[in-house]
Structures are given as structure tokens and as C-alpha cells.
mmCIF file of all heavy atoms, coordinates in Angstrom:
data_MODEL
# 
_entry.id   MODEL 
# 
loop_
_atom_site.group_PDB 
_atom_site.id 
_atom_site.type_symbol 
_atom_site.label_atom_id 
_atom_site.label_alt_id 
_atom_site.label_comp_id 
_atom_site.label_asym_id 
_atom_site.label_entity_id 
_atom_site.label_seq_id 
_atom_site.pdbx_PDB_ins_code 
_atom_site.Cartn_x 
_atom_site.Cartn_y 
_atom_site.Cartn_z 
_atom_site.occupancy 
_atom_site.B_iso_or_equiv 
_atom_site.pdbx_formal_charge 
_atom_site.auth_seq_id 
_atom_site.auth_comp_id 
_atom_site.auth_asym_id 
_atom_site.auth_atom_id 
_atom_site.pdbx_PDB_model_num 
ATOM 1   N N   . GLY A 1 1  ? 0.845  -1.223 -0.017  1.00 0.00 ? 1  GLY A N   1 
ATOM 2   C CA  . GLY A 1 1  ? -0.014 -0.059 0.017   1.00 0.00 ? 1  GLY A CA  1 
ATOM 3   C C   . GLY A 1 1  ? 0.823  1.265  0.029   1.00 0.00 ? 1  GLY A C   1 
ATOM 4   O O   . GLY A 1 1  ? 0.506  2.217  -0.694  1.00 0.00 ? 1  GLY A O   1 
ATOM 5   N N   . LEU A 1 2  ? 1.923  1.270  0.748   1.00 0.00 ? 2  LEU A N   1 
ATOM 6   C CA  . LEU A 1 2  ? 2.831  2.416  0.812   1.00 0.00 ? 2  LEU A CA  1 
ATOM 7   C C   . LEU A 1 2  ? 3.574  2.653  -0.548  1.00 0.00 ? 2  LEU A C   1 
ATOM 8   O O   . LEU A 1 2  ? 3.665  3.739  -1.003  1.00 0.00 ? 2  LEU A O   1 
ATOM 9   C CB  . LEU A 1 2  ? 3.850  2.214  1.940   1.00 0.00 ? 2  LEU A CB  1 
ATOM 10  C CG  . LEU A 1 2  ? 3.260  2.383  3.344   1.00 0.00 ? 2  LEU A CG  1 
ATOM 11  C CD1 . LEU A 1 2  ? 4.418  2.003  4.346   1.00 0.00 ? 2  LEU A CD1 1 
ATOM 12  C CD2 . LEU A 1 2  ? 2.676  3.708  3.627   1.00 0.00 ? 2  LEU A CD2 1 
ATOM 13  N N   . ILE A 1 3  ? 3.967  1.522  -1.169  1.00 0.00 ? 3  ILE A N   1 
ATOM 14  C CA  . ILE A 1 3  ? 4.562  1.611  -2.466  1.00 0.00 ? 3  ILE A CA  1 
ATOM 15  C C   . ILE A 1 3  ? 3.628  2.194  -3.494  1.00 0.00 ? 3  ILE A C   1 
ATOM 16  O O   . ILE A 1 3  ? 3.945  3.065  -4.348  1.00 0.00 ? 3  ILE A O   1 
ATOM 17  C CB  . ILE A 1 3  ? 5.114  0.267  -2.927  1.00 0.00 ? 3  ILE A CB  1 
ATOM 18  C CG1 . ILE A 1 3  ? 6.335  -0.093 -2.113  1.00 0.00 ? 3  ILE A CG1 1 
ATOM 19  C CG2 . ILE A 1 3  ? 5.484  0.324  -4.382  1.00 0.00 ? 3  ILE A CG2 1 
ATOM 20  C CD1 . ILE A 1 3  ? 6.901  -1.478 -2.385  1.00 0.00 ? 3  ILE A CD1 1 
ATOM 21  N N   . GLU A 1 4  ? 2.345  1.702  -3.487  1.00 0.00 ? 4  GLU A N   1 
ATOM 22  C CA  . GLU A 1 4  ? 1.419  2.200  -4.450  1.00 0.00 ? 4  GLU A CA  1 
ATOM 23  C C   . GLU A 1 4  ? 1.066  3.668  -4.236  1.00 0.00 ? 4  GLU A C   1 
ATOM 24  O O   . GLU A 1 4  ? 1.046  4.458  -5.169  1.00 0.00 ? 4  GLU A O   1 
ATOM 25  C CB  . GLU A 1 4  ? 0.092  1.368  -4.255  1.00 0.00 ? 4  GLU A CB  1 
ATOM 26  C CG  . GLU A 1 4  ? -1.031 1.941  -5.186  1.00 0.00 ? 4  GLU A CG  1 
ATOM 27  C CD  . GLU A 1 4  ? -2.325 1.109  -4.961  1.00 0.00 ? 4  GLU A CD  1 
ATOM 28  O OE1 . GLU A 1 4  ? -2.285 0.046  -4.295  1.00 0.00 ? 4  GLU A OE1 1 
ATOM 29  O OE2 . GLU A 1 4  ? -3.415 1.645  -5.416  1.00 0.00 ? 4  GLU A OE2 1 
ATOM 30  N N   . GLU A 1 5  ? 0.954  4.087  -2.951  1.00 0.00 ? 5  GLU A N   1 
ATOM 31  C CA  . GLU A 1 5  ? 0.782  5.534  -2.638  1.00 0.00 ? 5  GLU A CA  1 
ATOM 32  C C   . GLU A 1 5  ? 1.965  6.344  -3.086  1.00 0.00 ? 5  GLU A C   1 
ATOM 33  O O   . GLU A 1 5  ? 1.780  7.398  -3.683  1.00 0.00 ? 5  GLU A O   1 
ATOM 34  C CB  . GLU A 1 5  ? 0.518  5.653  -1.178  1.00 0.00 ? 5  GLU A CB  1 
ATOM 35  C CG  . GLU A 1 5  ? 0.218  7.084  -0.665  1.00 0.00 ? 5  GLU A CG  1 
ATOM 36  C CD  . GLU A 1 5  ? 0.039  7.226  0.789   1.00 0.00 ? 5  GLU A CD  1 
ATOM 37  O OE1 . GLU A 1 5  ? -0.172 6.160  1.465   1.00 0.00 ? 5  GLU A OE1 1 
ATOM 38  O OE2 . GLU A 1 5  ? 0.007  8.356  1.330   1.00 0.00 ? 5  GLU A OE2 1 
ATOM 39  N N   . ASN A 1 6  ? 3.195  5.819  -2.929  1.00 0.00 ? 6  ASN A N   1 
ATOM 40  C CA  . ASN A 1 6  ? 4.346  6.506  -3.397  1.00 0.00 ? 6  ASN A CA  1 
ATOM 41  C C   . ASN A 1 6  ? 4.360  6.700  -4.874  1.00 0.00 ? 6  ASN A C   1 
ATOM 42  O O   . ASN A 1 6  ? 4.676  7.786  -5.358  1.00 0.00 ? 6  ASN A O   1 
ATOM 43  C CB  . ASN A 1 6  ? 5.603  5.763  -2.871  1.00 0.00 ? 6  ASN A CB  1 
ATOM 44  C CG  . ASN A 1 6  ? 6.868  6.506  -3.116  1.00 0.00 ? 6  ASN A CG  1 
ATOM 45  O OD1 . ASN A 1 6  ? 6.853  7.739  -3.553  1.00 0.00 ? 6  ASN A OD1 1 
ATOM 46  N ND2 . ASN A 1 6  ? 8.029  5.812  -3.044  1.00 0.00 ? 6  ASN A ND2 1 
ATOM 47  N N   . VAL A 1 7  ? 3.993  5.649  -5.588  1.00 0.00 ? 7  VAL A N   1 
ATOM 48  C CA  . VAL A 1 7  ? 3.980  5.753  -7.124  1.00 0.00 ? 7  VAL A CA  1 
ATOM 49  C C   . VAL A 1 7  ? 2.916  6.762  -7.546  1.00 0.00 ? 7  VAL A C   1 
ATOM 50  O O   . VAL A 1 7  ? 3.180  7.587  -8.385  1.00 0.00 ? 7  VAL A O   1 
ATOM 51  C CB  . VAL A 1 7  ? 3.688  4.378  -7.682  1.00 0.00 ? 7  VAL A CB  1 
ATOM 52  C CG1 . VAL A 1 7  ? 3.367  4.468  -9.151  1.00 0.00 ? 7  VAL A CG1 1 
ATOM 53  C CG2 . VAL A 1 7  ? 4.905  3.457  -7.466  1.00 0.00 ? 7  VAL A CG2 1 
ATOM 54  N N   . LYS A 1 8  ? 1.713  6.759  -6.925  1.00 0.00 ? 8  LYS A N   1 
ATOM 55  C CA  . LYS A 1 8  ? 0.717  7.689  -7.276  1.00 0.00 ? 8  LYS A CA  1 
ATOM 56  C C   . LYS A 1 8  ? 1.168  9.132  -6.997  1.00 0.00 ? 8  LYS A C   1 
ATOM 57  O O   . LYS A 1 8  ? 1.021  10.053 -7.834  1.00 0.00 ? 8  LYS A O   1 
ATOM 58  C CB  . LYS A 1 8  ? -0.590 7.431  -6.422  1.00 0.00 ? 8  LYS A CB  1 
ATOM 59  C CG  . LYS A 1 8  ? -1.371 6.278  -6.897  1.00 0.00 ? 8  LYS A CG  1 
ATOM 60  C CD  . LYS A 1 8  ? -2.598 6.150  -6.075  1.00 0.00 ? 8  LYS A CD  1 
ATOM 61  C CE  . LYS A 1 8  ? -3.429 4.901  -6.438  1.00 0.00 ? 8  LYS A CE  1 
ATOM 62  N NZ  . LYS A 1 8  ? -4.628 4.727  -5.609  1.00 0.00 ? 8  LYS A NZ  1 
ATOM 63  N N   . GLN A 1 9  ? 1.803  9.382  -5.823  1.00 0.00 ? 9  GLN A N   1 
ATOM 64  C CA  . GLN A 1 9  ? 2.247  10.726 -5.502  1.00 0.00 ? 9  GLN A CA  1 
ATOM 65  C C   . GLN A 1 9  ? 3.382  11.118 -6.421  1.00 0.00 ? 9  GLN A C   1 
ATOM 66  O O   . GLN A 1 9  ? 3.424  12.343 -6.776  1.00 0.00 ? 9  GLN A O   1 
ATOM 67  C CB  . GLN A 1 9  ? 2.641  10.730 -4.012  1.00 0.00 ? 9  GLN A CB  1 
ATOM 68  C CG  . GLN A 1 9  ? 1.475  10.669 -3.077  1.00 0.00 ? 9  GLN A CG  1 
ATOM 69  C CD  . GLN A 1 9  ? 1.960  10.647 -1.583  1.00 0.00 ? 9  GLN A CD  1 
ATOM 70  O OE1 . GLN A 1 9  ? 2.988  10.438 -1.316  1.00 0.00 ? 9  GLN A OE1 1 
ATOM 71  N NE2 . GLN A 1 9  ? 0.918  10.811 -0.735  1.00 0.00 ? 9  GLN A NE2 1 
ATOM 72  N N   . GLN A 1 10 ? 4.256  10.194 -6.754  1.00 0.00 ? 10 GLN A N   1 
ATOM 73  C CA  . GLN A 1 10 ? 5.329  10.554 -7.682  1.00 0.00 ? 10 GLN A CA  1 
ATOM 74  C C   . GLN A 1 10 ? 4.802  10.888 -9.031  1.00 0.00 ? 10 GLN A C   1 
ATOM 75  O O   . GLN A 1 10 ? 5.305  11.866 -9.669  1.00 0.00 ? 10 GLN A O   1 
ATOM 76  C CB  . GLN A 1 10 ? 6.323  9.410  -7.807  1.00 0.00 ? 10 GLN A CB  1 
ATOM 77  C CG  . GLN A 1 10 ? 7.632  9.740  -8.550  1.00 0.00 ? 10 GLN A CG  1 
ATOM 78  C CD  . GLN A 1 10 ? 8.370  10.796 -7.793  1.00 0.00 ? 10 GLN A CD  1 
ATOM 79  O OE1 . GLN A 1 10 ? 8.444  10.827 -6.579  1.00 0.00 ? 10 GLN A OE1 1 
ATOM 80  N NE2 . GLN A 1 10 ? 9.071  11.652 -8.562  1.00 0.00 ? 10 GLN A NE2 1 
ATOM 81  N N   . ALA A 1 11 ? 3.799  10.188 -9.498  1.00 0.00 ? 11 ALA A N   1 
ATOM 82  C CA  . ALA A 1 11 ? 3.133  10.496 -10.745 1.00 0.00 ? 11 ALA A CA  1 
ATOM 83  C C   . ALA A 1 11 ? 2.471  11.851 -10.716 1.00 0.00 ? 11 ALA A C   1 
ATOM 84  O O   . ALA A 1 11 ? 2.552  12.673 -11.677 1.00 0.00 ? 11 ALA A O   1 
ATOM 85  C CB  . ALA A 1 11 ? 2.102  9.447  -11.186 1.00 0.00 ? 11 ALA A CB  1 
ATOM 86  N N   . GLU A 1 12 ? 1.818  12.142 -9.629  1.00 0.00 ? 12 GLU A N   1 
ATOM 87  C CA  . GLU A 1 12 ? 1.160  13.465 -9.475  1.00 0.00 ? 12 GLU A CA  1 
ATOM 88  C C   . GLU A 1 12 ? 2.192  14.609 -9.421  1.00 0.00 ? 12 GLU A C   1 
ATOM 89  O O   . GLU A 1 12 ? 1.989  15.637 -10.045 1.00 0.00 ? 12 GLU A O   1 
ATOM 90  C CB  . GLU A 1 12 ? 0.329  13.513 -8.225  1.00 0.00 ? 12 GLU A CB  1 
ATOM 91  C CG  . GLU A 1 12 ? -0.523 14.692 -8.029  1.00 0.00 ? 12 GLU A CG  1 
ATOM 92  C CD  . GLU A 1 12 ? -1.445 14.598 -6.767  1.00 0.00 ? 12 GLU A CD  1 
ATOM 93  O OE1 . GLU A 1 12 ? -1.565 13.545 -6.183  1.00 0.00 ? 12 GLU A OE1 1 
ATOM 94  O OE2 . GLU A 1 12 ? -1.900 15.725 -6.385  1.00 0.00 ? 12 GLU A OE2 1 
ATOM 95  N N   . ILE A 1 13 ? 3.317  14.376 -8.710  1.00 0.00 ? 13 ILE A N   1 
ATOM 96  C CA  . ILE A 1 13 ? 4.352  15.338 -8.637  1.00 0.00 ? 13 ILE A CA  1 
ATOM 97  C C   . ILE A 1 13 ? 4.896  15.580 -10.087 1.00 0.00 ? 13 ILE A C   1 
ATOM 98  O O   . ILE A 1 13 ? 5.189  16.762 -10.451 1.00 0.00 ? 13 ILE A O   1 
ATOM 99  C CB  . ILE A 1 13 ? 5.472  14.892 -7.725  1.00 0.00 ? 13 ILE A CB  1 
ATOM 100 C CG1 . ILE A 1 13 ? 4.990  15.008 -6.251  1.00 0.00 ? 13 ILE A CG1 1 
ATOM 101 C CG2 . ILE A 1 13 ? 6.748  15.735 -7.847  1.00 0.00 ? 13 ILE A CG2 1 
ATOM 102 C CD1 . ILE A 1 13 ? 5.919  14.389 -5.217  1.00 0.00 ? 13 ILE A CD1 1 
ATOM 103 N N   . ASN A 1 14 ? 5.186  14.527 -10.844 1.00 0.00 ? 14 ASN A N   1 
ATOM 104 C CA  . ASN A 1 14 ? 5.698  14.671 -12.241 1.00 0.00 ? 14 ASN A CA  1 
ATOM 105 C C   . ASN A 1 14 ? 4.771  15.444 -13.041 1.00 0.00 ? 14 ASN A C   1 
ATOM 106 O O   . ASN A 1 14 ? 5.159  16.350 -13.856 1.00 0.00 ? 14 ASN A O   1 
ATOM 107 C CB  . ASN A 1 14 ? 5.942  13.338 -12.818 1.00 0.00 ? 14 ASN A CB  1 
ATOM 108 C CG  . ASN A 1 14 ? 7.134  12.654 -12.234 1.00 0.00 ? 14 ASN A CG  1 
ATOM 109 O OD1 . ASN A 1 14 ? 7.974  13.254 -11.582 1.00 0.00 ? 14 ASN A OD1 1 
ATOM 110 N ND2 . ASN A 1 14 ? 7.212  11.292 -12.378 1.00 0.00 ? 14 ASN A ND2 1 
ATOM 111 N N   . ASP A 1 15 ? 3.417  15.203 -12.945 1.00 0.00 ? 15 ASP A N   1 
ATOM 112 C CA  . ASP A 1 15 ? 2.382  15.944 -13.718 1.00 0.00 ? 15 ASP A CA  1 
ATOM 113 C C   . ASP A 1 15 ? 2.401  17.375 -13.295 1.00 0.00 ? 15 ASP A C   1 
ATOM 114 O O   . ASP A 1 15 ? 2.323  18.285 -14.176 1.00 0.00 ? 15 ASP A O   1 
ATOM 115 C CB  . ASP A 1 15 ? 1.018  15.331 -13.514 1.00 0.00 ? 15 ASP A CB  1 
ATOM 116 C CG  . ASP A 1 15 ? 0.779  13.956 -14.206 1.00 0.00 ? 15 ASP A CG  1 
ATOM 117 O OD1 . ASP A 1 15 ? 1.592  13.693 -15.134 1.00 0.00 ? 15 ASP A OD1 1 
ATOM 118 O OD2 . ASP A 1 15 ? -0.144 13.307 -13.851 1.00 0.00 ? 15 ASP A OD2 1 
ATOM 119 N N   . LEU A 1 16 ? 2.485  17.637 -12.073 1.00 0.00 ? 16 LEU A N   1 
ATOM 120 C CA  . LEU A 1 16 ? 2.428  19.104 -11.535 1.00 0.00 ? 16 LEU A CA  1 
ATOM 121 C C   . LEU A 1 16 ? 3.679  19.780 -12.015 1.00 0.00 ? 16 LEU A C   1 
ATOM 122 O O   . LEU A 1 16 ? 3.656  21.001 -12.316 1.00 0.00 ? 16 LEU A O   1 
ATOM 123 C CB  . LEU A 1 16 ? 2.263  19.060 -10.047 1.00 0.00 ? 16 LEU A CB  1 
ATOM 124 C CG  . LEU A 1 16 ? 0.871  18.590 -9.567  1.00 0.00 ? 16 LEU A CG  1 
ATOM 125 C CD1 . LEU A 1 16 ? 0.764  18.613 -8.016  1.00 0.00 ? 16 LEU A CD1 1 
ATOM 126 C CD2 . LEU A 1 16 ? -0.239 19.542 -10.098 1.00 0.00 ? 16 LEU A CD2 1 
ATOM 127 N N   . GLU A 1 17 ? 4.826  19.156 -11.995 1.00 0.00 ? 17 GLU A N   1 
ATOM 128 C CA  . GLU A 1 17 ? 6.097  19.787 -12.361 1.00 0.00 ? 17 GLU A CA  1 
ATOM 129 C C   . GLU A 1 17 ? 6.039  20.125 -13.869 1.00 0.00 ? 17 GLU A C   1 
ATOM 130 O O   . GLU A 1 17 ? 6.393  21.204 -14.290 1.00 0.00 ? 17 GLU A O   1 
ATOM 131 C CB  . GLU A 1 17 ? 7.306  18.869 -12.058 1.00 0.00 ? 17 GLU A CB  1 
ATOM 132 C CG  . GLU A 1 17 ? 7.672  18.868 -10.597 1.00 0.00 ? 17 GLU A CG  1 
ATOM 133 C CD  . GLU A 1 17 ? 8.824  17.942 -10.309 1.00 0.00 ? 17 GLU A CD  1 
ATOM 134 O OE1 . GLU A 1 17 ? 9.257  17.158 -11.211 1.00 0.00 ? 17 GLU A OE1 1 
ATOM 135 O OE2 . GLU A 1 17 ? 9.252  17.958 -9.212  1.00 0.00 ? 17 GLU A OE2 1 
ATOM 136 N N   . ARG A 1 18 ? 5.559  19.127 -14.671 1.00 0.00 ? 18 ARG A N   1 
ATOM 137 C CA  . ARG A 1 18 ? 5.438  19.422 -16.144 1.00 0.00 ? 18 ARG A CA  1 
ATOM 138 C C   . ARG A 1 18 ? 4.494  20.536 -16.374 1.00 0.00 ? 18 ARG A C   1 
ATOM 139 O O   . ARG A 1 18 ? 4.677  21.403 -17.229 1.00 0.00 ? 18 ARG A O   1 
ATOM 140 C CB  . ARG A 1 18 ? 4.932  18.147 -16.830 1.00 0.00 ? 18 ARG A CB  1 
ATOM 141 C CG  . ARG A 1 18 ? 6.044  17.091 -16.974 1.00 0.00 ? 18 ARG A CG  1 
ATOM 142 C CD  . ARG A 1 18 ? 5.580  15.973 -17.915 1.00 0.00 ? 18 ARG A CD  1 
ATOM 143 N NE  . ARG A 1 18 ? 6.054  14.743 -17.358 1.00 0.00 ? 18 ARG A NE  1 
ATOM 144 C CZ  . ARG A 1 18 ? 5.357  13.722 -16.991 1.00 0.00 ? 18 ARG A CZ  1 
ATOM 145 N NH1 . ARG A 1 18 ? 4.043  13.699 -17.139 1.00 0.00 ? 18 ARG A NH1 1 
ATOM 146 N NH2 . ARG A 1 18 ? 5.907  12.699 -16.559 1.00 0.00 ? 18 ARG A NH2 1 
ATOM 147 N N   . GLN A 1 19 ? 3.321  20.509 -15.659 1.00 0.00 ? 19 GLN A N   1 
ATOM 148 C CA  . GLN A 1 19 ? 2.262  21.508 -15.873 1.00 0.00 ? 19 GLN A CA  1 
ATOM 149 C C   . GLN A 1 19 ? 2.894  22.861 -15.438 1.00 0.00 ? 19 GLN A C   1 
ATOM 150 O O   . GLN A 1 19 ? 2.654  23.890 -16.062 1.00 0.00 ? 19 GLN A O   1 
ATOM 151 C CB  . GLN A 1 19 ? 1.044  21.192 -15.003 1.00 0.00 ? 19 GLN A CB  1 
ATOM 152 C CG  . GLN A 1 19 ? -0.111 22.078 -15.205 1.00 0.00 ? 19 GLN A CG  1 
ATOM 153 C CD  . GLN A 1 19 ? -1.281 21.626 -14.429 1.00 0.00 ? 19 GLN A CD  1 
ATOM 154 O OE1 . GLN A 1 19 ? -1.233 20.644 -13.680 1.00 0.00 ? 19 GLN A OE1 1 
ATOM 155 N NE2 . GLN A 1 19 ? -2.313 22.442 -14.523 1.00 0.00 ? 19 GLN A NE2 1 
ATOM 156 N N   . ASN A 1 20 ? 3.550  22.918 -14.316 1.00 0.00 ? 20 ASN A N   1 
ATOM 157 C CA  . ASN A 1 20 ? 4.186  24.174 -13.827 1.00 0.00 ? 20 ASN A CA  1 
ATOM 158 C C   . ASN A 1 20 ? 5.146  24.742 -14.804 1.00 0.00 ? 20 ASN A C   1 
ATOM 159 O O   . ASN A 1 20 ? 5.149  25.908 -15.095 1.00 0.00 ? 20 ASN A O   1 
ATOM 160 C CB  . ASN A 1 20 ? 4.765  23.898 -12.455 1.00 0.00 ? 20 ASN A CB  1 
ATOM 161 C CG  . ASN A 1 20 ? 5.201  25.173 -11.714 1.00 0.00 ? 20 ASN A CG  1 
ATOM 162 O OD1 . ASN A 1 20 ? 4.710  26.187 -12.051 1.00 0.00 ? 20 ASN A OD1 1 
ATOM 163 N ND2 . ASN A 1 20 ? 6.179  25.136 -10.838 1.00 0.00 ? 20 ASN A ND2 1 
ATOM 164 N N   . GLU A 1 21 ? 6.061  23.905 -15.366 1.00 0.00 ? 21 GLU A N   1 
ATOM 165 C CA  . GLU A 1 21 ? 6.979  24.335 -16.297 1.00 0.00 ? 21 GLU A CA  1 
ATOM 166 C C   . GLU A 1 21 ? 6.353  24.837 -17.546 1.00 0.00 ? 21 GLU A C   1 
ATOM 167 O O   . GLU A 1 21 ? 6.702  25.905 -18.054 1.00 0.00 ? 21 GLU A O   1 
ATOM 168 C CB  . GLU A 1 21 ? 7.943  23.184 -16.696 1.00 0.00 ? 21 GLU A CB  1 
ATOM 169 C CG  . GLU A 1 21 ? 8.913  22.798 -15.650 1.00 0.00 ? 21 GLU A CG  1 
ATOM 170 C CD  . GLU A 1 21 ? 9.745  21.606 -16.006 1.00 0.00 ? 21 GLU A CD  1 
ATOM 171 O OE1 . GLU A 1 21 ? 9.690  21.127 -17.107 1.00 0.00 ? 21 GLU A OE1 1 
ATOM 172 O OE2 . GLU A 1 21 ? 10.488 21.082 -15.108 1.00 0.00 ? 21 GLU A OE2 1 
ATOM 173 N N   . ALA A 1 22 ? 5.325  24.150 -17.993 1.00 0.00 ? 22 ALA A N   1 
ATOM 174 C CA  . ALA A 1 22 ? 4.609  24.591 -19.204 1.00 0.00 ? 22 ALA A CA  1 
ATOM 175 C C   . ALA A 1 22 ? 3.906  25.868 -18.979 1.00 0.00 ? 22 ALA A C   1 
ATOM 176 O O   . ALA A 1 22 ? 3.837  26.782 -19.834 1.00 0.00 ? 22 ALA A O   1 
ATOM 177 C CB  . ALA A 1 22 ? 3.618  23.522 -19.699 1.00 0.00 ? 22 ALA A CB  1 
ATOM 178 N N   . LEU A 1 23 ? 3.210  26.022 -17.789 1.00 0.00 ? 23 LEU A N   1 
ATOM 179 C CA  . LEU A 1 23 ? 2.561  27.232 -17.527 1.00 0.00 ? 23 LEU A CA  1 
ATOM 180 C C   . LEU A 1 23 ? 3.476  28.441 -17.305 1.00 0.00 ? 23 LEU A C   1 
ATOM 181 O O   . LEU A 1 23 ? 3.141  29.536 -17.704 1.00 0.00 ? 23 LEU A O   1 
ATOM 182 C CB  . LEU A 1 23 ? 1.582  27.007 -16.258 1.00 0.00 ? 23 LEU A CB  1 
ATOM 183 C CG  . LEU A 1 23 ? 0.475  26.094 -16.508 1.00 0.00 ? 23 LEU A CG  1 
ATOM 184 C CD1 . LEU A 1 23 ? -0.348 25.875 -15.224 1.00 0.00 ? 23 LEU A CD1 1 
ATOM 185 C CD2 . LEU A 1 23 ? -0.529 26.544 -17.566 1.00 0.00 ? 23 LEU A CD2 1 
ATOM 186 N N   . LEU A 1 24 ? 4.623  28.200 -16.709 1.00 0.00 ? 24 LEU A N   1 
ATOM 187 C CA  . LEU A 1 24 ? 5.604  29.310 -16.551 1.00 0.00 ? 24 LEU A CA  1 
ATOM 188 C C   . LEU A 1 24 ? 6.103  29.759 -17.899 1.00 0.00 ? 24 LEU A C   1 
ATOM 189 O O   . LEU A 1 24 ? 6.233  30.952 -18.145 1.00 0.00 ? 24 LEU A O   1 
ATOM 190 C CB  . LEU A 1 24 ? 6.763  28.816 -15.673 1.00 0.00 ? 24 LEU A CB  1 
ATOM 191 C CG  . LEU A 1 24 ? 6.455  28.741 -14.128 1.00 0.00 ? 24 LEU A CG  1 
ATOM 192 C CD1 . LEU A 1 24 ? 7.663  28.183 -13.452 1.00 0.00 ? 24 LEU A CD1 1 
ATOM 193 C CD2 . LEU A 1 24 ? 6.038  30.090 -13.584 1.00 0.00 ? 24 LEU A CD2 1 
ATOM 194 N N   . LYS A 1 25 ? 6.359  28.815 -18.748 1.00 0.00 ? 25 LYS A N   1 
ATOM 195 C CA  . LYS A 1 25 ? 6.821  29.128 -20.139 1.00 0.00 ? 25 LYS A CA  1 
ATOM 196 C C   . LYS A 1 25 ? 5.691  29.851 -20.832 1.00 0.00 ? 25 LYS A C   1 
ATOM 197 O O   . LYS A 1 25 ? 5.956  30.839 -21.524 1.00 0.00 ? 25 LYS A O   1 
ATOM 198 C CB  . LYS A 1 25 ? 7.206  27.816 -20.934 1.00 0.00 ? 25 LYS A CB  1 
ATOM 199 C CG  . LYS A 1 25 ? 7.736  28.125 -22.215 1.00 0.00 ? 25 LYS A CG  1 
ATOM 200 C CD  . LYS A 1 25 ? 8.098  26.852 -22.962 1.00 0.00 ? 25 LYS A CD  1 
ATOM 201 C CE  . LYS A 1 25 ? 8.475  27.180 -24.440 1.00 0.00 ? 25 LYS A CE  1 
ATOM 202 N NZ  . LYS A 1 25 ? 8.785  25.977 -25.119 1.00 0.00 ? 25 LYS A NZ  1 
ATOM 203 N N   . ASP A 1 26 ? 4.512  29.356 -20.705 1.00 0.00 ? 26 ASP A N   1 
ATOM 204 C CA  . ASP A 1 26 ? 3.362  30.030 -21.277 1.00 0.00 ? 26 ASP A CA  1 
ATOM 205 C C   . ASP A 1 26 ? 3.114  31.441 -20.786 1.00 0.00 ? 26 ASP A C   1 
ATOM 206 O O   . ASP A 1 26 ? 2.778  32.385 -21.536 1.00 0.00 ? 26 ASP A O   1 
ATOM 207 C CB  . ASP A 1 26 ? 2.047  29.230 -21.097 1.00 0.00 ? 26 ASP A CB  1 
ATOM 208 C CG  . ASP A 1 26 ? 0.842  29.823 -21.812 1.00 0.00 ? 26 ASP A CG  1 
ATOM 209 O OD1 . ASP A 1 26 ? 1.006  30.206 -22.967 1.00 0.00 ? 26 ASP A OD1 1 
ATOM 210 O OD2 . ASP A 1 26 ? -0.231 29.950 -21.095 1.00 0.00 ? 26 ASP A OD2 1 
ATOM 211 N N   . LYS A 1 27 ? 3.342  31.600 -19.491 1.00 0.00 ? 27 LYS A N   1 
ATOM 212 C CA  . LYS A 1 27 ? 3.235  32.993 -18.876 1.00 0.00 ? 27 LYS A CA  1 
ATOM 213 C C   . LYS A 1 27 ? 4.212  33.960 -19.504 1.00 0.00 ? 27 LYS A C   1 
ATOM 214 O O   . LYS A 1 27 ? 3.916  35.100 -19.806 1.00 0.00 ? 27 LYS A O   1 
ATOM 215 C CB  . LYS A 1 27 ? 3.318  32.883 -17.366 1.00 0.00 ? 27 LYS A CB  1 
ATOM 216 C CG  . LYS A 1 27 ? 3.109  34.239 -16.691 1.00 0.00 ? 27 LYS A CG  1 
ATOM 217 C CD  . LYS A 1 27 ? 3.199  34.096 -15.202 1.00 0.00 ? 27 LYS A CD  1 
ATOM 218 C CE  . LYS A 1 27 ? 2.948  35.432 -14.542 1.00 0.00 ? 27 LYS A CE  1 
ATOM 219 N NZ  . LYS A 1 27 ? 3.146  35.341 -13.055 1.00 0.00 ? 27 LYS A NZ  1 
ATOM 220 N N   . GLU A 1 28 ? 5.429  33.486 -19.684 1.00 0.00 ? 28 GLU A N   1 
ATOM 221 C CA  . GLU A 1 28 ? 6.470  34.296 -20.330 1.00 0.00 ? 28 GLU A CA  1 
ATOM 222 C C   . GLU A 1 28 ? 6.089  34.677 -21.705 1.00 0.00 ? 28 GLU A C   1 
ATOM 223 O O   . GLU A 1 28 ? 6.295  35.819 -22.169 1.00 0.00 ? 28 GLU A O   1 
ATOM 224 C CB  . GLU A 1 28 ? 7.842  33.613 -20.266 1.00 0.00 ? 28 GLU A CB  1 
ATOM 225 C CG  . GLU A 1 28 ? 8.398  33.403 -18.879 1.00 0.00 ? 28 GLU A CG  1 
ATOM 226 C CD  . GLU A 1 28 ? 9.663  32.541 -18.916 1.00 0.00 ? 28 GLU A CD  1 
ATOM 227 O OE1 . GLU A 1 28 ? 10.083 32.123 -19.997 1.00 0.00 ? 28 GLU A OE1 1 
ATOM 228 O OE2 . GLU A 1 28 ? 10.169 32.210 -17.779 1.00 0.00 ? 28 GLU A OE2 1 
ATOM 229 N N   . ASP A 1 29 ? 5.602  33.708 -22.439 1.00 0.00 ? 29 ASP A N   1 
ATOM 230 C CA  . ASP A 1 29 ? 5.158  33.946 -23.793 1.00 0.00 ? 29 ASP A CA  1 
ATOM 231 C C   . ASP A 1 29 ? 3.968  34.866 -23.836 1.00 0.00 ? 29 ASP A C   1 
ATOM 232 O O   . ASP A 1 29 ? 3.867  35.712 -24.710 1.00 0.00 ? 29 ASP A O   1 
ATOM 233 C CB  . ASP A 1 29 ? 4.809  32.668 -24.559 1.00 0.00 ? 29 ASP A CB  1 
ATOM 234 C CG  . ASP A 1 29 ? 6.071  31.762 -24.774 1.00 0.00 ? 29 ASP A CG  1 
ATOM 235 O OD1 . ASP A 1 29 ? 7.216  32.299 -24.655 1.00 0.00 ? 29 ASP A OD1 1 
ATOM 236 O OD2 . ASP A 1 29 ? 5.843  30.569 -25.031 1.00 0.00 ? 29 ASP A OD2 1 
# 
């Protein structure tokens, strides 16, 4: 259960980081 939760949270972190980078780049543009 802890491994599954860790994988979910890591996937969410990756999504948020990609989204954050894209949105920051979009804001600059």
C-alpha cells in the first residue's frame, strides 16, 4: 500500500512539475 501511494504521489508530482514548467513558459510567452 505504501509503495502504491508513493507511485501515485510521484506521478502526481511529475504531472504538476510538467504543468508548472509549461505554464511558466506560457506565462512568459
